[in-house]
Amino acid sequence: MDLQIIKRDGEPEYAVLSWDSYQALLKAAGLNDQVAALTATTTPESERQPPEPVQALPGLDQLRGLREGKGLALEVLARTVGISPSYLGMIETGERLPDLAIRRSLAWELGVAGWREAS
């Protein structure tokens, strides 16, 4: 089975596997019919609408202050969240808007209240 384990703080957090391995797991669990029905009803790529622009969470402009208030170096927070320090720098200056997964990770690491409601 093709499998990649992604860890945070030395503990497994995510498992990434190939599509074929995923399908084999579904089949072994008896769930392949349910997933087949879902994939059969998805919209063809030619008919898909472009995604809505991602909106910034309130307080994203205060990211640098939150990070510095916790005494975290830019490099440390970036590596903890799983992004490069240069990308985090661009997020802090407003040059880039992170996706939801990165925003949630940043909120979690910085102890921002209500991070679960942002999903």
N, C-alpha and C. Protein backbone atom coordinates (compact mmCIF):
# COMPACT_ATOMS: atom_id res chain seq x y z
N MET A 1 0.85 -1.18 0.00
CA MET A 1 0.00 0.00 0.00
C MET A 1 0.89 1.23 0.00
N ASP A 2 0.61 2.17 -0.90
CA ASP A 2 1.34 3.44 -0.95
C ASP A 2 0.77 4.34 0.13
N LEU A 3 1.59 4.68 1.11
CA LEU A 3 1.10 5.45 2.25
C LEU A 3 2.15 6.43 2.71
N GLN A 4 1.73 7.67 2.97
CA GLN A 4 2.60 8.69 3.52
C GLN A 4 1.98 9.16 4.82
N ILE A 5 2.75 9.18 5.89
CA ILE A 5 2.29 9.66 7.19
C ILE A 5 2.85 11.06 7.41
N ILE A 6 1.99 11.99 7.75
CA ILE A 6 2.40 13.36 8.06
C ILE A 6 2.24 13.55 9.56
N LYS A 7 3.33 13.99 10.19
CA LYS A 7 3.33 14.12 11.64
C LYS A 7 3.38 15.58 12.07
N ARG A 8 2.85 15.83 13.26
CA ARG A 8 2.95 17.14 13.91
C ARG A 8 3.39 16.85 15.33
N ASP A 9 4.45 17.51 15.74
CA ASP A 9 5.01 17.30 17.08
C ASP A 9 5.31 15.82 17.33
N GLY A 10 5.78 15.13 16.31
CA GLY A 10 6.16 13.73 16.44
C GLY A 10 5.01 12.75 16.46
N GLU A 11 3.79 13.22 16.36
CA GLU A 11 2.61 12.35 16.39
C GLU A 11 1.95 12.33 15.01
N PRO A 12 1.51 11.16 14.54
CA PRO A 12 0.82 11.09 13.25
C PRO A 12 -0.44 11.96 13.25
N GLU A 13 -0.59 12.77 12.20
CA GLU A 13 -1.77 13.63 12.10
C GLU A 13 -2.59 13.31 10.85
N TYR A 14 -1.93 13.01 9.74
CA TYR A 14 -2.62 12.71 8.50
C TYR A 14 -1.99 11.48 7.85
N ALA A 15 -2.79 10.77 7.08
CA ALA A 15 -2.29 9.68 6.25
C ALA A 15 -2.72 9.97 4.82
N VAL A 16 -1.77 9.92 3.90
CA VAL A 16 -2.04 10.17 2.50
C VAL A 16 -1.76 8.88 1.75
N LEU A 17 -2.72 8.45 0.95
CA LEU A 17 -2.53 7.22 0.21
C LEU A 17 -2.99 7.38 -1.23
N SER A 18 -2.54 6.48 -2.08
CA SER A 18 -2.89 6.56 -3.50
C SER A 18 -4.38 6.27 -3.67
N TRP A 19 -4.92 6.70 -4.80
CA TRP A 19 -6.34 6.48 -5.08
C TRP A 19 -6.66 4.99 -5.13
N ASP A 20 -5.77 4.20 -5.74
CA ASP A 20 -6.00 2.76 -5.82
C ASP A 20 -6.05 2.13 -4.43
N SER A 21 -5.14 2.55 -3.54
CA SER A 21 -5.13 2.03 -2.18
C SER A 21 -6.40 2.46 -1.43
N TYR A 22 -6.83 3.68 -1.67
CA TYR A 22 -8.04 4.18 -1.05
C TYR A 22 -9.25 3.36 -1.49
N GLN A 23 -9.31 3.07 -2.79
CA GLN A 23 -10.41 2.27 -3.32
C GLN A 23 -10.39 0.85 -2.73
N ALA A 24 -9.20 0.29 -2.57
CA ALA A 24 -9.07 -1.05 -1.98
C ALA A 24 -9.56 -1.04 -0.53
N LEU A 25 -9.24 0.01 0.22
CA LEU A 25 -9.72 0.11 1.60
C LEU A 25 -11.25 0.22 1.64
N LEU A 26 -11.81 1.02 0.74
CA LEU A 26 -13.26 1.15 0.70
C LEU A 26 -13.92 -0.19 0.38
N LYS A 27 -13.33 -0.90 -0.57
CA LYS A 27 -13.88 -2.20 -0.94
C LYS A 27 -13.81 -3.16 0.24
N ALA A 28 -12.68 -3.19 0.95
CA ALA A 28 -12.52 -4.07 2.10
C ALA A 28 -13.50 -3.72 3.21
N ALA A 29 -13.85 -2.45 3.32
CA ALA A 29 -14.79 -2.01 4.34
C ALA A 29 -16.24 -2.13 3.88
N GLY A 30 -16.44 -2.50 2.62
CA GLY A 30 -17.79 -2.63 2.10
C GLY A 30 -18.44 -1.31 1.76
N LEU A 31 -17.64 -0.27 1.54
CA LEU A 31 -18.17 1.06 1.27
C LEU A 31 -18.00 1.50 -0.18
N ASN A 32 -17.45 0.66 -1.03
CA ASN A 32 -17.16 1.10 -2.39
C ASN A 32 -18.42 1.46 -3.19
N ASP A 33 -19.56 0.83 -2.93
CA ASP A 33 -20.78 1.16 -3.66
C ASP A 33 -21.27 2.56 -3.32
N GLN A 34 -21.16 2.95 -2.06
CA GLN A 34 -21.59 4.29 -1.64
C GLN A 34 -20.73 5.36 -2.28
N VAL A 35 -19.42 5.14 -2.32
CA VAL A 35 -18.52 6.12 -2.91
C VAL A 35 -18.69 6.17 -4.42
N ALA A 36 -18.93 5.03 -5.05
CA ALA A 36 -19.16 5.00 -6.49
C ALA A 36 -20.38 5.83 -6.85
N ALA A 37 -21.42 5.76 -6.03
CA ALA A 37 -22.62 6.55 -6.29
C ALA A 37 -22.31 8.05 -6.17
N LEU A 38 -21.48 8.41 -5.22
CA LEU A 38 -21.11 9.82 -5.06
C LEU A 38 -20.29 10.33 -6.24
N THR A 39 -19.30 9.56 -6.67
CA THR A 39 -18.45 10.00 -7.77
C THR A 39 -19.20 10.02 -9.09
N ALA A 40 -20.21 9.17 -9.23
CA ALA A 40 -20.99 9.14 -10.47
C ALA A 40 -21.88 10.38 -10.59
N THR A 41 -22.22 11.01 -9.47
CA THR A 41 -23.11 12.16 -9.52
C THR A 41 -22.37 13.49 -9.45
N THR A 42 -21.04 13.46 -9.47
CA THR A 42 -20.31 14.71 -9.42
C THR A 42 -20.43 15.44 -10.75
N THR A 43 -20.26 16.73 -10.71
CA THR A 43 -20.36 17.55 -11.91
C THR A 43 -19.13 17.36 -12.78
N PRO A 44 -19.30 17.13 -14.06
CA PRO A 44 -18.14 17.01 -14.95
C PRO A 44 -17.30 18.28 -14.91
N GLU A 45 -16.00 18.11 -15.09
CA GLU A 45 -15.09 19.25 -15.01
C GLU A 45 -15.48 20.38 -15.95
N SER A 46 -15.99 20.04 -17.14
CA SER A 46 -16.36 21.05 -18.12
C SER A 46 -17.53 21.92 -17.65
N GLU A 47 -18.31 21.44 -16.68
CA GLU A 47 -19.47 22.19 -16.20
C GLU A 47 -19.24 22.84 -14.84
N ARG A 48 -18.07 22.65 -14.26
CA ARG A 48 -17.80 23.20 -12.93
C ARG A 48 -17.63 24.70 -12.98
N GLN A 49 -18.12 25.35 -11.94
CA GLN A 49 -17.96 26.79 -11.78
C GLN A 49 -16.65 27.06 -11.06
N PRO A 50 -16.01 28.20 -11.32
CA PRO A 50 -14.78 28.51 -10.59
C PRO A 50 -15.11 28.67 -9.10
N PRO A 51 -14.18 28.30 -8.23
CA PRO A 51 -14.45 28.41 -6.80
C PRO A 51 -14.61 29.86 -6.38
N GLU A 52 -15.39 30.04 -5.32
CA GLU A 52 -15.57 31.38 -4.77
C GLU A 52 -14.25 31.84 -4.17
N PRO A 53 -13.95 33.15 -4.24
CA PRO A 53 -12.71 33.62 -3.63
C PRO A 53 -12.73 33.36 -2.12
N VAL A 54 -11.57 33.02 -1.59
CA VAL A 54 -11.45 32.76 -0.16
C VAL A 54 -11.46 34.08 0.58
N GLN A 55 -12.29 34.15 1.59
CA GLN A 55 -12.37 35.37 2.40
C GLN A 55 -11.41 35.27 3.58
N ALA A 56 -10.79 36.36 3.91
CA ALA A 56 -9.88 36.38 5.05
C ALA A 56 -10.67 36.28 6.35
N LEU A 57 -10.15 35.52 7.27
CA LEU A 57 -10.76 35.47 8.59
C LEU A 57 -10.47 36.76 9.32
N PRO A 58 -11.40 37.24 10.14
CA PRO A 58 -11.11 38.42 10.93
C PRO A 58 -9.87 38.18 11.77
N GLY A 59 -8.99 39.16 11.81
CA GLY A 59 -7.80 39.04 12.63
C GLY A 59 -6.59 38.53 11.88
N LEU A 60 -6.74 38.12 10.61
CA LEU A 60 -5.59 37.63 9.87
C LEU A 60 -4.54 38.73 9.71
N ASP A 61 -5.00 39.98 9.66
CA ASP A 61 -4.07 41.10 9.57
C ASP A 61 -3.29 41.29 10.87
N GLN A 62 -3.72 40.63 11.94
CA GLN A 62 -3.05 40.74 13.23
C GLN A 62 -2.14 39.53 13.50
N LEU A 63 -1.90 38.73 12.47
CA LEU A 63 -1.14 37.50 12.63
C LEU A 63 0.25 37.74 13.20
N ARG A 64 0.96 38.71 12.67
CA ARG A 64 2.32 38.99 13.16
C ARG A 64 2.29 39.35 14.64
N GLY A 65 1.36 40.20 15.04
CA GLY A 65 1.26 40.58 16.45
C GLY A 65 0.94 39.39 17.35
N LEU A 66 0.06 38.51 16.88
CA LEU A 66 -0.26 37.31 17.66
C LEU A 66 0.96 36.41 17.80
N ARG A 67 1.68 36.24 16.71
CA ARG A 67 2.87 35.39 16.72
C ARG A 67 3.94 35.97 17.65
N GLU A 68 4.19 37.26 17.51
CA GLU A 68 5.20 37.89 18.36
C GLU A 68 4.76 37.90 19.82
N GLY A 69 3.45 38.07 20.05
CA GLY A 69 2.93 38.04 21.42
C GLY A 69 3.14 36.70 22.10
N LYS A 70 3.17 35.63 21.32
CA LYS A 70 3.44 34.29 21.85
C LYS A 70 4.93 34.01 21.94
N GLY A 71 5.74 34.96 21.44
CA GLY A 71 7.18 34.77 21.47
C GLY A 71 7.69 33.76 20.46
N LEU A 72 6.94 33.59 19.37
CA LEU A 72 7.31 32.61 18.34
C LEU A 72 8.04 33.30 17.19
N ALA A 73 9.16 32.72 16.82
CA ALA A 73 9.86 33.19 15.62
C ALA A 73 9.05 32.78 14.40
N LEU A 74 9.14 33.57 13.35
CA LEU A 74 8.43 33.29 12.12
C LEU A 74 8.77 31.89 11.61
N GLU A 75 10.04 31.52 11.64
CA GLU A 75 10.48 30.22 11.15
C GLU A 75 9.86 29.08 11.95
N VAL A 76 9.78 29.24 13.27
CA VAL A 76 9.25 28.20 14.14
C VAL A 76 7.77 27.97 13.86
N LEU A 77 6.99 29.05 13.81
CA LEU A 77 5.56 28.91 13.54
C LEU A 77 5.31 28.32 12.16
N ALA A 78 6.06 28.79 11.17
CA ALA A 78 5.88 28.28 9.81
C ALA A 78 6.12 26.79 9.76
N ARG A 79 7.21 26.33 10.32
CA ARG A 79 7.53 24.89 10.29
C ARG A 79 6.53 24.08 11.10
N THR A 80 6.04 24.62 12.19
CA THR A 80 5.04 23.93 13.00
C THR A 80 3.75 23.74 12.22
N VAL A 81 3.37 24.75 11.45
CA VAL A 81 2.14 24.69 10.66
C VAL A 81 2.34 23.89 9.38
N GLY A 82 3.59 23.74 8.95
CA GLY A 82 3.87 22.96 7.75
C GLY A 82 4.00 23.77 6.48
N ILE A 83 4.37 25.04 6.64
CA ILE A 83 4.59 25.89 5.47
C ILE A 83 5.98 26.50 5.57
N SER A 84 6.42 27.12 4.51
CA SER A 84 7.75 27.74 4.52
C SER A 84 7.69 29.08 5.25
N PRO A 85 8.81 29.48 5.84
CA PRO A 85 8.85 30.80 6.48
C PRO A 85 8.55 31.93 5.50
N SER A 86 9.00 31.81 4.25
CA SER A 86 8.72 32.89 3.30
C SER A 86 7.22 32.99 3.00
N TYR A 87 6.53 31.84 2.95
CA TYR A 87 5.08 31.87 2.71
C TYR A 87 4.37 32.51 3.91
N LEU A 88 4.79 32.16 5.12
CA LEU A 88 4.18 32.78 6.30
C LEU A 88 4.43 34.28 6.30
N GLY A 89 5.62 34.69 5.88
CA GLY A 89 5.90 36.13 5.78
C GLY A 89 4.97 36.83 4.81
N MET A 90 4.67 36.17 3.69
CA MET A 90 3.75 36.74 2.71
C MET A 90 2.32 36.79 3.26
N ILE A 91 1.95 35.81 4.08
CA ILE A 91 0.63 35.83 4.70
C ILE A 91 0.55 37.00 5.67
N GLU A 92 1.60 37.19 6.47
CA GLU A 92 1.61 38.28 7.45
C GLU A 92 1.55 39.66 6.80
N THR A 93 2.16 39.80 5.62
CA THR A 93 2.14 41.10 4.94
C THR A 93 0.92 41.28 4.04
N GLY A 94 0.08 40.25 3.94
CA GLY A 94 -1.12 40.35 3.11
C GLY A 94 -0.90 40.04 1.65
N GLU A 95 0.32 39.59 1.28
CA GLU A 95 0.59 39.25 -0.11
C GLU A 95 -0.10 37.96 -0.52
N ARG A 96 -0.32 37.06 0.42
CA ARG A 96 -0.97 35.78 0.15
C ARG A 96 -2.08 35.55 1.15
N LEU A 97 -3.13 34.88 0.69
CA LEU A 97 -4.23 34.49 1.55
C LEU A 97 -4.19 32.98 1.68
N PRO A 98 -3.95 32.47 2.89
CA PRO A 98 -3.82 31.02 3.05
C PRO A 98 -5.15 30.31 2.91
N ASP A 99 -5.08 29.02 2.56
CA ASP A 99 -6.31 28.25 2.47
C ASP A 99 -6.83 27.94 3.88
N LEU A 100 -7.99 27.34 3.93
CA LEU A 100 -8.65 27.09 5.21
C LEU A 100 -7.82 26.21 6.13
N ALA A 101 -7.18 25.19 5.59
CA ALA A 101 -6.39 24.29 6.44
C ALA A 101 -5.24 25.03 7.12
N ILE A 102 -4.58 25.90 6.39
CA ILE A 102 -3.47 26.67 6.98
C ILE A 102 -4.00 27.67 7.99
N ARG A 103 -5.12 28.32 7.68
CA ARG A 103 -5.70 29.27 8.65
C ARG A 103 -6.07 28.57 9.95
N ARG A 104 -6.64 27.37 9.82
CA ARG A 104 -7.01 26.63 11.03
C ARG A 104 -5.78 26.24 11.83
N SER A 105 -4.73 25.80 11.13
CA SER A 105 -3.50 25.43 11.83
C SER A 105 -2.88 26.63 12.52
N LEU A 106 -2.86 27.76 11.85
CA LEU A 106 -2.32 28.98 12.46
C LEU A 106 -3.14 29.37 13.69
N ALA A 107 -4.46 29.31 13.56
CA ALA A 107 -5.33 29.66 14.69
C ALA A 107 -5.09 28.71 15.85
N TRP A 108 -4.95 27.43 15.56
CA TRP A 108 -4.72 26.43 16.61
C TRP A 108 -3.40 26.72 17.33
N GLU A 109 -2.34 26.92 16.56
CA GLU A 109 -1.02 27.14 17.15
C GLU A 109 -0.94 28.44 17.93
N LEU A 110 -1.72 29.44 17.51
CA LEU A 110 -1.69 30.74 18.19
C LEU A 110 -2.75 30.85 19.28
N GLY A 111 -3.56 29.81 19.44
CA GLY A 111 -4.58 29.82 20.48
C GLY A 111 -5.72 30.79 20.24
N VAL A 112 -6.07 30.98 18.98
CA VAL A 112 -7.17 31.87 18.64
C VAL A 112 -8.50 31.18 18.94
N ALA A 113 -9.33 31.83 19.74
CA ALA A 113 -10.63 31.26 20.11
C ALA A 113 -11.51 31.14 18.88
N GLY A 114 -12.33 30.10 18.85
CA GLY A 114 -13.30 29.93 17.77
C GLY A 114 -12.72 29.35 16.50
N TRP A 115 -11.52 28.76 16.56
CA TRP A 115 -10.91 28.23 15.33
C TRP A 115 -11.74 27.11 14.73
N ARG A 116 -12.48 26.36 15.53
CA ARG A 116 -13.29 25.26 15.00
C ARG A 116 -14.47 25.79 14.18
N GLU A 117 -14.99 26.95 14.52
CA GLU A 117 -16.15 27.47 13.82
C GLU A 117 -15.78 27.99 12.44
N ALA A 118 -14.49 28.11 12.14
CA ALA A 118 -14.07 28.66 10.85
C ALA A 118 -14.17 27.64 9.73
N SER A 119 -14.59 26.41 10.02
CA SER A 119 -14.62 25.40 8.96
C SER A 119 -15.91 25.43 8.19
